[in-house]
Structures are given as C-alpha cells and as structure tokens.
Amino acid sequence: MEENVFESLVEVFRGNLWEAELIKGLLESAGVESMIKDETLSAVTSPYANMGGNVLVLVNKEEEVYAKEVVARRSV
C-alpha cells in the first residue's frame, strides 16, 4: 500500500469546507495529492452555516506551482 508523505506543505486554497472539498477533488483528478487542514473544526463549529473558520487545501511544496495553476484554471 502506498503511503502519502507530506513534507513541506504550502497553501493553495482557502475557503469554506465545501469549496475546499471541491478543490481537493479537482487537484486529485489532476494528479496532485492534497490534504485539508481544519476540516473537523470547521464542521463542528458550523455544520449548517458559513460561520466557521477557513479551511485550507495544502499540497507538497514541489507541486505548488502546478497546483496553483489547476486551481486558477477551474471554472466557476
């Protein structure tokens, strides 16, 4: 089984939980491994409204430029 290794992480997106989940899926479909930070806290503090804290999507530093391009090219 392949193990994910996140050494030096950088932020490529900041938003609410549902946006972060969409961005994470978009990155994964482009071949970029990513993770979400503060997902649990945001869901607990605000499960029904957009009142929780920001959720971050993080990628390995080596994939930062490509990941930011993928995020920037997404259709709204």
Protein backbone atom coordinates (compact mmCIF):
# COMPACT_ATOMS: atom_id res chain seq x y z
CA MET A 1 0.00 0.00 0.00
CA GLU A 2 1.36 3.41 -0.97
CA GLU A 3 1.74 5.89 1.86
CA ASN A 4 1.13 9.64 1.45
CA VAL A 5 4.11 11.71 2.55
CA PHE A 6 3.58 15.41 3.14
CA GLU A 7 6.92 17.00 3.98
CA SER A 8 6.83 20.70 3.23
CA LEU A 9 3.23 21.85 2.78
CA VAL A 10 2.00 25.04 1.16
CA GLU A 11 -1.47 26.54 0.94
CA VAL A 12 -3.07 26.66 -2.50
CA PHE A 13 -6.65 27.47 -1.48
CA ARG A 14 -8.55 28.93 1.48
CA GLY A 15 -12.34 28.88 1.80
CA ASN A 16 -15.23 27.09 3.42
CA LEU A 17 -15.43 23.32 3.78
CA TRP A 18 -17.47 22.51 0.70
CA GLU A 19 -15.25 24.68 -1.54
CA ALA A 20 -12.13 23.05 -0.11
CA GLU A 21 -13.55 19.57 -0.78
CA LEU A 22 -14.23 20.55 -4.40
CA ILE A 23 -10.72 21.96 -4.84
CA LYS A 24 -9.20 18.84 -3.28
CA GLY A 25 -11.12 16.67 -5.75
CA LEU A 26 -10.07 18.89 -8.64
CA LEU A 27 -6.41 18.63 -7.63
CA GLU A 28 -6.62 14.87 -7.20
CA SER A 29 -8.18 14.49 -10.66
CA ALA A 30 -5.17 16.45 -12.00
CA GLY A 31 -2.76 14.07 -10.25
CA VAL A 32 -1.85 16.33 -7.32
CA GLU A 33 -2.04 14.88 -3.82
CA SER A 34 -3.56 17.31 -1.35
CA MET A 35 -4.92 17.50 2.14
CA ILE A 36 -7.42 19.64 4.00
CA LYS A 37 -6.49 21.39 7.25
CA ASP A 38 -9.04 22.43 9.91
CA GLU A 39 -11.79 20.38 8.26
CA THR A 40 -13.09 18.89 11.50
CA LEU A 41 -13.04 22.13 13.46
CA SER A 42 -14.94 23.95 10.73
CA ALA A 43 -17.58 21.24 10.51
CA VAL A 44 -18.04 21.19 14.28
CA THR A 45 -18.23 24.95 14.72
CA SER A 46 -20.56 25.49 11.80
CA PRO A 47 -22.25 22.45 10.25
CA TYR A 48 -25.18 24.42 8.78
CA ALA A 49 -23.86 27.89 8.09
CA ASN A 50 -20.75 29.56 6.74
CA MET A 51 -19.77 30.90 10.16
CA GLY A 52 -16.83 28.55 10.85
CA GLY A 53 -13.17 29.25 10.29
CA ASN A 54 -11.43 28.94 6.98
CA VAL A 55 -10.39 25.56 5.65
CA LEU A 56 -7.06 25.25 3.85
CA VAL A 57 -6.10 22.99 0.99
CA LEU A 58 -2.42 22.08 1.22
CA VAL A 59 -0.05 20.42 -1.25
CA ASN A 60 3.61 19.45 -1.23
CA LYS A 61 5.94 22.36 -1.94
CA GLU A 62 7.23 20.56 -5.05
CA GLU A 63 3.74 20.65 -6.61
CA GLU A 64 2.83 24.21 -5.59
CA VAL A 65 3.15 25.91 -8.98
CA TYR A 66 1.18 23.26 -10.86
CA ALA A 67 -1.47 23.06 -8.12
CA LYS A 68 -1.99 26.82 -8.15
CA GLU A 69 -2.38 26.71 -11.95
CA VAL A 70 -5.01 23.96 -11.63
CA VAL A 71 -6.91 25.98 -9.01
CA ALA A 72 -6.67 29.18 -11.07
CA ARG A 73 -7.98 27.47 -14.24
CA ARG A 74 -11.05 25.97 -12.56
CA SER A 75 -14.38 27.01 -13.98
CA VAL A 76 -16.65 28.80 -11.54
